[in-house]
Amino acid sequence: MIKHYNSSNTQVRNTILGYLRGVEEALIFANATLKKRGDTQFNCQLGGLVLHVEQIVSILEDYVTEFPFAEDRPASLILLAAFEKTFPCT
């Protein structure tokens, strides 16, 4: 997905940004549900920190650079793993 984001036209780029924002929202809601249940969260994003979509792309780029095999995984899975690495709960 990152290679398409970096090399595509504006319409494709905006579609990818919208998709990433949606995945981020889903992860936020999933974390809130886990926290409410007393279960371990996927990640511990800093106290209500709101990320700009360009920051999400940067987090993904950093993750894929460190773990190139991740590029072949679904974007939602890559984002989950990248957030877990960037915002650990330890």
PDB file of N, CA and C in Angstrom:
ATOM      1  N   MET A   1       0.824  -1.188   0.000  1.00  0.00           N
ATOM      2  CA  MET A   1       0.000   0.000   0.000  1.00  0.00           C
ATOM      3  C   MET A   1       0.872   1.258   0.000  1.00  0.00           C
ATOM      4  N   ILE A   2       1.956   1.248   0.763  1.00  0.00           N
ATOM      5  CA  ILE A   2       2.818   2.431   0.845  1.00  0.00           C
ATOM      6  C   ILE A   2       3.411   2.760  -0.516  1.00  0.00           C
ATOM      7  N   LYS A   3       3.824   1.752  -1.267  1.00  0.00           N
ATOM      8  CA  LYS A   3       4.396   2.039  -2.586  1.00  0.00           C
ATOM      9  C   LYS A   3       3.353   2.668  -3.502  1.00  0.00           C
ATOM     10  N   HIS A   4       2.085   2.262  -3.369  1.00  0.00           N
ATOM     11  CA  HIS A   4       1.026   2.877  -4.169  1.00  0.00           C
ATOM     12  C   HIS A   4       0.764   4.308  -3.696  1.00  0.00           C
ATOM     13  N   TYR A   5       0.823   4.522  -2.404  1.00  0.00           N
ATOM     14  CA  TYR A   5       0.615   5.859  -1.848  1.00  0.00           C
ATOM     15  C   TYR A   5       1.674   6.825  -2.374  1.00  0.00           C
ATOM     16  N   ASN A   6       2.911   6.373  -2.399  1.00  0.00           N
ATOM     17  CA  ASN A   6       4.019   7.239  -2.807  1.00  0.00           C
ATOM     18  C   ASN A   6       4.119   7.452  -4.311  1.00  0.00           C
ATOM     19  N   SER A   7       3.470   6.616  -5.102  1.00  0.00           N
ATOM     20  CA  SER A   7       3.653   6.730  -6.546  1.00  0.00           C
ATOM     21  C   SER A   7       2.349   6.960  -7.315  1.00  0.00           C
ATOM     22  N   SER A   8       1.270   7.184  -6.630  1.00  0.00           N
ATOM     23  CA  SER A   8      -0.019   7.253  -7.315  1.00  0.00           C
ATOM     24  C   SER A   8      -0.532   8.671  -7.499  1.00  0.00           C
ATOM     25  N   ASN A   9      -1.605   8.750  -8.252  1.00  0.00           N
ATOM     26  CA  ASN A   9      -2.238  10.038  -8.486  1.00  0.00           C
ATOM     27  C   ASN A   9      -3.011  10.486  -7.244  1.00  0.00           C
ATOM     28  N   THR A  10      -3.504  11.689  -7.267  1.00  0.00           N
ATOM     29  CA  THR A  10      -4.176  12.284  -6.110  1.00  0.00           C
ATOM     30  C   THR A  10      -5.401  11.490  -5.679  1.00  0.00           C
ATOM     31  N   GLN A  11      -6.178  11.004  -6.616  1.00  0.00           N
ATOM     32  CA  GLN A  11      -7.386  10.254  -6.268  1.00  0.00           C
ATOM     33  C   GLN A  11      -7.034   8.961  -5.522  1.00  0.00           C
ATOM     34  N   VAL A  12      -6.051   8.231  -6.001  1.00  0.00           N
ATOM     35  CA  VAL A  12      -5.627   6.996  -5.335  1.00  0.00           C
ATOM     36  C   VAL A  12      -5.048   7.321  -3.967  1.00  0.00           C
ATOM     37  N   ARG A  13      -4.245   8.365  -3.915  1.00  0.00           N
ATOM     38  CA  ARG A  13      -3.624   8.801  -2.654  1.00  0.00           C
ATOM     39  C   ARG A  13      -4.704   9.140  -1.616  1.00  0.00           C
ATOM     40  N   ASN A  14      -5.716   9.888  -2.014  1.00  0.00           N
ATOM     41  CA  ASN A  14      -6.794  10.258  -1.096  1.00  0.00           C
ATOM     42  C   ASN A  14      -7.609   9.040  -0.649  1.00  0.00           C
ATOM     43  N   THR A  15      -7.796   8.083  -1.556  1.00  0.00           N
ATOM     44  CA  THR A  15      -8.492   6.849  -1.193  1.00  0.00           C
ATOM     45  C   THR A  15      -7.703   6.092  -0.127  1.00  0.00           C
ATOM     46  N   ILE A  16      -6.400   6.008  -0.303  1.00  0.00           N
ATOM     47  CA  ILE A  16      -5.546   5.333   0.681  1.00  0.00           C
ATOM     48  C   ILE A  16      -5.588   6.068   2.016  1.00  0.00           C
ATOM     49  N   LEU A  17      -5.529   7.387   1.991  1.00  0.00           N
ATOM     50  CA  LEU A  17      -5.589   8.165   3.237  1.00  0.00           C
ATOM     51  C   LEU A  17      -6.903   7.924   3.969  1.00  0.00           C
ATOM     52  N   GLY A  18      -8.016   7.887   3.227  1.00  0.00           N
ATOM     53  CA  GLY A  18      -9.312   7.620   3.841  1.00  0.00           C
ATOM     54  C   GLY A  18      -9.373   6.233   4.445  1.00  0.00           C
ATOM     55  N   TYR A  19      -8.814   5.266   3.737  1.00  0.00           N
ATOM     56  CA  TYR A  19      -8.779   3.898   4.244  1.00  0.00           C
ATOM     57  C   TYR A  19      -7.974   3.822   5.542  1.00  0.00           C
ATOM     58  N   LEU A  20      -6.797   4.441   5.550  1.00  0.00           N
ATOM     59  CA  LEU A  20      -5.953   4.417   6.754  1.00  0.00           C
ATOM     60  C   LEU A  20      -6.640   5.092   7.931  1.00  0.00           C
ATOM     61  N   ARG A  21      -7.332   6.180   7.678  1.00  0.00           N
ATOM     62  CA  ARG A  21      -8.068   6.869   8.753  1.00  0.00           C
ATOM     63  C   ARG A  21      -9.142   5.935   9.314  1.00  0.00           C
ATOM     64  N   GLY A  22      -9.824   5.217   8.442  1.00  0.00           N
ATOM     65  CA  GLY A  22     -10.853   4.274   8.888  1.00  0.00           C
ATOM     66  C   GLY A  22     -10.278   3.141   9.713  1.00  0.00           C
ATOM     67  N   VAL A  23      -9.140   2.599   9.283  1.00  0.00           N
ATOM     68  CA  VAL A  23      -8.496   1.535  10.052  1.00  0.00           C
ATOM     69  C   VAL A  23      -8.058   2.071  11.415  1.00  0.00           C
ATOM     70  N   GLU A  24      -7.507   3.265  11.434  1.00  0.00           N
ATOM     71  CA  GLU A  24      -7.094   3.856  12.711  1.00  0.00           C
ATOM     72  C   GLU A  24      -8.294   3.990  13.650  1.00  0.00           C
ATOM     73  N   GLU A  25      -9.412   4.484  13.129  1.00  0.00           N
ATOM     74  CA  GLU A  25     -10.620   4.622  13.962  1.00  0.00           C
ATOM     75  C   GLU A  25     -11.063   3.273  14.507  1.00  0.00           C
ATOM     76  N   ALA A  26     -11.035   2.247  13.676  1.00  0.00           N
ATOM     77  CA  ALA A  26     -11.425   0.911  14.126  1.00  0.00           C
ATOM     78  C   ALA A  26     -10.517   0.429  15.247  1.00  0.00           C
ATOM     79  N   LEU A  27      -9.223   0.685  15.119  1.00  0.00           N
ATOM     80  CA  LEU A  27      -8.283   0.281  16.175  1.00  0.00           C
ATOM     81  C   LEU A  27      -8.527   1.059  17.465  1.00  0.00           C
ATOM     82  N   ILE A  28      -8.867   2.325  17.358  1.00  0.00           N
ATOM     83  CA  ILE A  28      -9.169   3.136  18.542  1.00  0.00           C
ATOM     84  C   ILE A  28     -10.390   2.568  19.258  1.00  0.00           C
ATOM     85  N   PHE A  29     -11.439   2.253  18.500  1.00  0.00           N
ATOM     86  CA  PHE A  29     -12.650   1.689  19.111  1.00  0.00           C
ATOM     87  C   PHE A  29     -12.388   0.307  19.697  1.00  0.00           C
ATOM     88  N   ALA A  30     -11.595  -0.502  19.003  1.00  0.00           N
ATOM     89  CA  ALA A  30     -11.259  -1.831  19.522  1.00  0.00           C
ATOM     90  C   ALA A  30     -10.480  -1.708  20.829  1.00  0.00           C
ATOM     91  N   ASN A  31      -9.534  -0.786  20.877  1.00  0.00           N
ATOM     92  CA  ASN A  31      -8.767  -0.572  22.106  1.00  0.00           C
ATOM     93  C   ASN A  31      -9.664  -0.105  23.243  1.00  0.00           C
ATOM     94  N   ALA A  32     -10.580   0.792  22.952  1.00  0.00           N
ATOM     95  CA  ALA A  32     -11.492   1.290  23.991  1.00  0.00           C
ATOM     96  C   ALA A  32     -12.348   0.154  24.542  1.00  0.00           C
ATOM     97  N   THR A  33     -12.805  -0.722  23.659  1.00  0.00           N
ATOM     98  CA  THR A  33     -13.601  -1.875  24.089  1.00  0.00           C
ATOM     99  C   THR A  33     -12.763  -2.816  24.948  1.00  0.00           C
ATOM    100  N   LEU A  34     -11.542  -3.099  24.521  1.00  0.00           N
ATOM    101  CA  LEU A  34     -10.654  -3.963  25.300  1.00  0.00           C
ATOM    102  C   LEU A  34     -10.379  -3.364  26.678  1.00  0.00           C
ATOM    103  N   LYS A  35     -10.106  -2.063  26.708  1.00  0.00           N
ATOM    104  CA  LYS A  35      -9.824  -1.387  27.976  1.00  0.00           C
ATOM    105  C   LYS A  35     -11.030  -1.471  28.914  1.00  0.00           C
ATOM    106  N   LYS A  36     -12.217  -1.221  28.371  1.00  0.00           N
ATOM    107  CA  LYS A  36     -13.445  -1.272  29.167  1.00  0.00           C
ATOM    108  C   LYS A  36     -13.663  -2.662  29.769  1.00  0.00           C
ATOM    109  N   ARG A  37     -13.315  -3.696  29.019  1.00  0.00           N
ATOM    110  CA  ARG A  37     -13.455  -5.076  29.493  1.00  0.00           C
ATOM    111  C   ARG A  37     -12.353  -5.480  30.474  1.00  0.00           C
ATOM    112  N   GLY A  38     -11.310  -4.656  30.557  1.00  0.00           N
ATOM    113  CA  GLY A  38     -10.172  -4.997  31.395  1.00  0.00           C
ATOM    114  C   GLY A  38      -9.166  -5.898  30.703  1.00  0.00           C
ATOM    115  N   ASP A  39      -9.289  -5.997  29.371  1.00  0.00           N
ATOM    116  CA  ASP A  39      -8.373  -6.819  28.580  1.00  0.00           C
ATOM    117  C   ASP A  39      -7.182  -5.982  28.114  1.00  0.00           C
ATOM    118  N   THR A  40      -6.151  -6.674  27.663  1.00  0.00           N
ATOM    119  CA  THR A  40      -4.957  -6.007  27.155  1.00  0.00           C
ATOM    120  C   THR A  40      -5.272  -5.326  25.826  1.00  0.00           C
ATOM    121  N   GLN A  41      -4.879  -4.064  25.704  1.00  0.00           N
ATOM    122  CA  GLN A  41      -5.101  -3.301  24.482  1.00  0.00           C
ATOM    123  C   GLN A  41      -4.064  -3.670  23.424  1.00  0.00           C
ATOM    124  N   PHE A  42      -4.379  -3.403  22.174  1.00  0.00           N
ATOM    125  CA  PHE A  42      -3.438  -3.622  21.081  1.00  0.00           C
ATOM    126  C   PHE A  42      -2.238  -2.687  21.195  1.00  0.00           C
ATOM    127  N   ASN A  43      -2.517  -1.452  21.518  1.00  0.00           N
ATOM    128  CA  ASN A  43      -1.462  -0.450  21.668  1.00  0.00           C
ATOM    129  C   ASN A  43      -1.941   0.586  22.669  1.00  0.00           C
ATOM    130  N   CYS A  44      -1.021   1.407  23.110  1.00  0.00           N
ATOM    131  CA  CYS A  44      -1.363   2.418  24.113  1.00  0.00           C
ATOM    132  C   CYS A  44      -0.972   3.801  23.589  1.00  0.00           C
ATOM    133  N   GLN A  45      -1.731   4.245  22.625  1.00  0.00           N
ATOM    134  CA  GLN A  45      -1.522   5.566  22.033  1.00  0.00           C
ATOM    135  C   GLN A  45      -1.616   6.606  23.140  1.00  0.00           C
ATOM    136  N   LEU A  46      -0.716   7.515  23.161  1.00  0.00           N
ATOM    137  CA  LEU A  46      -0.577   8.477  24.240  1.00  0.00           C
ATOM    138  C   LEU A  46      -1.848   9.262  24.490  1.00  0.00           C
ATOM    139  N   GLY A  47      -2.436   9.069  25.656  1.00  0.00           N
ATOM    140  CA  GLY A  47      -3.605   9.774  26.161  1.00  0.00           C
ATOM    141  C   GLY A  47      -4.406  10.607  25.189  1.00  0.00           C
ATOM    142  N   GLY A  48      -5.083   9.986  24.282  1.00  0.00           N
ATOM    143  CA  GLY A  48      -5.956  10.721  23.377  1.00  0.00           C
ATOM    144  C   GLY A  48      -5.228  11.436  22.259  1.00  0.00           C
ATOM    145  N   LEU A  49      -3.964  11.089  22.032  1.00  0.00           N
ATOM    146  CA  LEU A  49      -3.196  11.699  20.949  1.00  0.00           C
ATOM    147  C   LEU A  49      -3.927  11.498  19.624  1.00  0.00           C
ATOM    148  N   VAL A  50      -4.157  12.579  18.922  1.00  0.00           N
ATOM    149  CA  VAL A  50      -4.808  12.508  17.613  1.00  0.00           C
ATOM    150  C   VAL A  50      -3.716  12.610  16.552  1.00  0.00           C
ATOM    151  N   LEU A  51      -3.650  11.601  15.727  1.00  0.00           N
ATOM    152  CA  LEU A  51      -2.642  11.580  14.668  1.00  0.00           C
ATOM    153  C   LEU A  51      -3.211  12.160  13.383  1.00  0.00           C
ATOM    154  N   HIS A  52      -2.387  12.924  12.696  1.00  0.00           N
ATOM    155  CA  HIS A  52      -2.742  13.355  11.351  1.00  0.00           C
ATOM    156  C   HIS A  52      -2.476  12.172  10.434  1.00  0.00           C
ATOM    157  N   VAL A  53      -3.218  12.048   9.376  1.00  0.00           N
ATOM    158  CA  VAL A  53      -3.095  10.888   8.507  1.00  0.00           C
ATOM    159  C   VAL A  53      -1.683  10.781   7.928  1.00  0.00           C
ATOM    160  N   GLU A  54      -1.012  11.909   7.736  1.00  0.00           N
ATOM    161  CA  GLU A  54       0.366  11.871   7.239  1.00  0.00           C
ATOM    162  C   GLU A  54       1.292  11.229   8.279  1.00  0.00           C
ATOM    163  N   GLN A  55       0.977  11.400   9.574  1.00  0.00           N
ATOM    164  CA  GLN A  55       1.753  10.747  10.621  1.00  0.00           C
ATOM    165  C   GLN A  55       1.534   9.235  10.590  1.00  0.00           C
ATOM    166  N   ILE A  56       0.321   8.826  10.289  1.00  0.00           N
ATOM    167  CA  ILE A  56       0.023   7.401  10.161  1.00  0.00           C
ATOM    168  C   ILE A  56       0.846   6.812   9.018  1.00  0.00           C
ATOM    169  N   VAL A  57       0.893   7.506   7.891  1.00  0.00           N
ATOM    170  CA  VAL A  57       1.688   7.059   6.757  1.00  0.00           C
ATOM    171  C   VAL A  57       3.157   6.950   7.160  1.00  0.00           C
ATOM    172  N   SER A  58       3.662   7.919   7.890  1.00  0.00           N
ATOM    173  CA  SER A  58       5.055   7.897   8.346  1.00  0.00           C
ATOM    174  C   SER A  58       5.329   6.697   9.253  1.00  0.00           C
ATOM    175  N   ILE A  59       4.395   6.403  10.157  1.00  0.00           N
ATOM    176  CA  ILE A  59       4.534   5.240  11.036  1.00  0.00           C
ATOM    177  C   ILE A  59       4.583   3.961  10.198  1.00  0.00           C
ATOM    178  N   LEU A  60       3.719   3.865   9.194  1.00  0.00           N
ATOM    179  CA  LEU A  60       3.720   2.701   8.298  1.00  0.00           C
ATOM    180  C   LEU A  60       5.026   2.603   7.512  1.00  0.00           C
ATOM    181  N   GLU A  61       5.484   3.718   6.979  1.00  0.00           N
ATOM    182  CA  GLU A  61       6.741   3.713   6.213  1.00  0.00           C
ATOM    183  C   GLU A  61       7.898   3.244   7.082  1.00  0.00           C
ATOM    184  N   ASP A  62       7.974   3.739   8.308  1.00  0.00           N
ATOM    185  CA  ASP A  62       9.044   3.327   9.223  1.00  0.00           C
ATOM    186  C   ASP A  62       8.969   1.836   9.512  1.00  0.00           C
ATOM    187  N   TYR A  63       7.757   1.342   9.730  1.00  0.00           N
ATOM    188  CA  TYR A  63       7.579  -0.067  10.047  1.00  0.00           C
ATOM    189  C   TYR A  63       7.988  -0.948   8.863  1.00  0.00           C
ATOM    190  N   VAL A  64       7.540  -0.593   7.673  1.00  0.00           N
ATOM    191  CA  VAL A  64       7.856  -1.384   6.479  1.00  0.00           C
ATOM    192  C   VAL A  64       9.345  -1.309   6.154  1.00  0.00           C
ATOM    193  N   THR A  65       9.973  -0.190   6.448  1.00  0.00           N
ATOM    194  CA  THR A  65      11.418  -0.079   6.251  1.00  0.00           C
ATOM    195  C   THR A  65      12.151  -1.053   7.174  1.00  0.00           C
ATOM    196  N   GLU A  66      11.699  -1.141   8.416  1.00  0.00           N
ATOM    197  CA  GLU A  66      12.333  -2.046   9.383  1.00  0.00           C
ATOM    198  C   GLU A  66      11.965  -3.507   9.125  1.00  0.00           C
ATOM    199  N   PHE A  67      10.752  -3.749   8.667  1.00  0.00           N
ATOM    200  CA  PHE A  67      10.251  -5.107   8.415  1.00  0.00           C
ATOM    201  C   PHE A  67       9.726  -5.191   6.981  1.00  0.00           C
ATOM    202  N   PRO A  68      10.626  -5.285   5.991  1.00  0.00           N
ATOM    203  CA  PRO A  68      10.207  -5.239   4.576  1.00  0.00           C
ATOM    204  C   PRO A  68       9.194  -6.317   4.188  1.00  0.00           C
ATOM    205  N   PHE A  69       9.219  -7.469   4.845  1.00  0.00           N
ATOM    206  CA  PHE A  69       8.269  -8.536   4.529  1.00  0.00           C
ATOM    207  C   PHE A  69       6.830  -8.095   4.779  1.00  0.00           C
ATOM    208  N   ALA A  70       6.635  -7.094   5.632  1.00  0.00           N
ATOM    209  CA  ALA A  70       5.290  -6.624   5.984  1.00  0.00           C
ATOM    210  C   ALA A  70       4.569  -5.995   4.799  1.00  0.00           C
ATOM    211  N   GLU A  71       5.324  -5.536   3.827  1.00  0.00           N
ATOM    212  CA  GLU A  71       4.720  -4.872   2.659  1.00  0.00           C
ATOM    213  C   GLU A  71       3.689  -5.766   1.964  1.00  0.00           C
ATOM    214  N   ASP A  72       3.876  -7.085   2.070  1.00  0.00           N
ATOM    215  CA  ASP A  72       2.963  -8.023   1.408  1.00  0.00           C
ATOM    216  C   ASP A  72       1.750  -8.384   2.258  1.00  0.00           C
ATOM    217  N   ARG A  73       1.639  -7.833   3.442  1.00  0.00           N
ATOM    218  CA  ARG A  73       0.528  -8.128   4.344  1.00  0.00           C
ATOM    219  C   ARG A  73      -0.599  -7.112   4.125  1.00  0.00           C
ATOM    220  N   PRO A  74      -1.810  -7.437   4.587  1.00  0.00           N
ATOM    221  CA  PRO A  74      -2.902  -6.451   4.485  1.00  0.00           C
ATOM    222  C   PRO A  74      -2.549  -5.178   5.258  1.00  0.00           C
ATOM    223  N   ALA A  75      -2.930  -4.051   4.710  1.00  0.00           N
ATOM    224  CA  ALA A  75      -2.591  -2.761   5.321  1.00  0.00           C
ATOM    225  C   ALA A  75      -3.106  -2.648   6.750  1.00  0.00           C
ATOM    226  N   SER A  76      -4.281  -3.200   7.016  1.00  0.00           N
ATOM    227  CA  SER A  76      -4.828  -3.121   8.373  1.00  0.00           C
ATOM    228  C   SER A  76      -3.943  -3.877   9.365  1.00  0.00           C
ATOM    229  N   LEU A  77      -3.408  -5.014   8.950  1.00  0.00           N
ATOM    230  CA  LEU A  77      -2.513  -5.784   9.815  1.00  0.00           C
ATOM    231  C   LEU A  77      -1.194  -5.060  10.026  1.00  0.00           C
ATOM    232  N   ILE A  78      -0.670  -4.453   8.960  1.00  0.00           N
ATOM    233  CA  ILE A  78       0.572  -3.682   9.080  1.00  0.00           C
ATOM    234  C   ILE A  78       0.370  -2.514  10.043  1.00  0.00           C
ATOM    235  N   LEU A  79      -0.755  -1.823   9.915  1.00  0.00           N
ATOM    236  CA  LEU A  79      -1.010  -0.680  10.797  1.00  0.00           C
ATOM    237  C   LEU A  79      -1.139  -1.120  12.246  1.00  0.00           C
ATOM    238  N   LEU A  80      -1.803  -2.231  12.486  1.00  0.00           N
ATOM    239  CA  LEU A  80      -1.918  -2.757  13.845  1.00  0.00           C
ATOM    240  C   LEU A  80      -0.528  -3.035  14.416  1.00  0.00           C
ATOM    241  N   ALA A  81       0.305  -3.737  13.661  1.00  0.00           N
ATOM    242  CA  ALA A  81       1.656  -4.060  14.120  1.00  0.00           C
ATOM    243  C   ALA A  81       2.503  -2.802  14.301  1.00  0.00           C
ATOM    244  N   ALA A  82       2.364  -1.855  13.392  1.00  0.00           N
ATOM    245  CA  ALA A  82       3.135  -0.608  13.490  1.00  0.00           C
ATOM    246  C   ALA A  82       2.723   0.201  14.721  1.00  0.00           C
ATOM    247  N   PHE A  83       1.435   0.246  15.009  1.00  0.00           N
ATOM    248  CA  PHE A  83       0.965   0.956  16.208  1.00  0.00           C
ATOM    249  C   PHE A  83       1.428   0.243  17.482  1.00  0.00           C
ATOM    250  N   GLU A  84       1.407  -1.080  17.457  1.00  0.00           N
ATOM    251  CA  GLU A  84       1.887  -1.833  18.638  1.00  0.00           C
ATOM    252  C   GLU A  84       3.363  -1.511  18.901  1.00  0.00           C
ATOM    253  N   LYS A  85       4.146  -1.390  17.834  1.00  0.00           N
ATOM    254  CA  LYS A  85       5.568  -1.072  17.982  1.00  0.00           C
ATOM    255  C   LYS A  85       5.768   0.382  18.400  1.00  0.00           C
ATOM    256  N   THR A  86       5.005   1.281  17.829  1.00  0.00           N
ATOM    257  CA  THR A  86       5.184   2.711  18.082  1.00  0.00           C
ATOM    258  C   THR A  86       4.611   3.128  19.434  1.00  0.00           C
ATOM    259  N   PHE A  87       3.511   2.521  19.842  1.00  0.00           N
ATOM    260  CA  PHE A  87       2.822   2.874  21.094  1.00  0.00           C
ATOM    261  C   PHE A  87       2.651   1.625  21.969  1.00  0.00           C
ATOM    262  N   PRO A  88       3.773   1.045  22.435  1.00  0.00           N
ATOM    263  CA  PRO A  88       3.647  -0.166  23.248  1.00  0.00           C
ATOM    264  C   PRO A  88       2.955   0.107  24.579  1.00  0.00           C
ATOM    265  N   CYS A  89       2.375  -0.933  25.141  1.00  0.00           N
ATOM    266  CA  CYS A  89       1.666  -0.813  26.417  1.00  0.00           C
ATOM    267  C   CYS A  89       2.534  -1.240  27.604  1.00  0.00           C
ATOM    268  N   THR A  90       3.819  -1.147  27.479  1.00  0.00           N
ATOM    269  CA  THR A  90       4.702  -1.551  28.576  1.00  0.00           C
ATOM    270  C   THR A  90       5.269  -0.376  29.306  1.00  0.00           C
TER     271      THR A  90
END
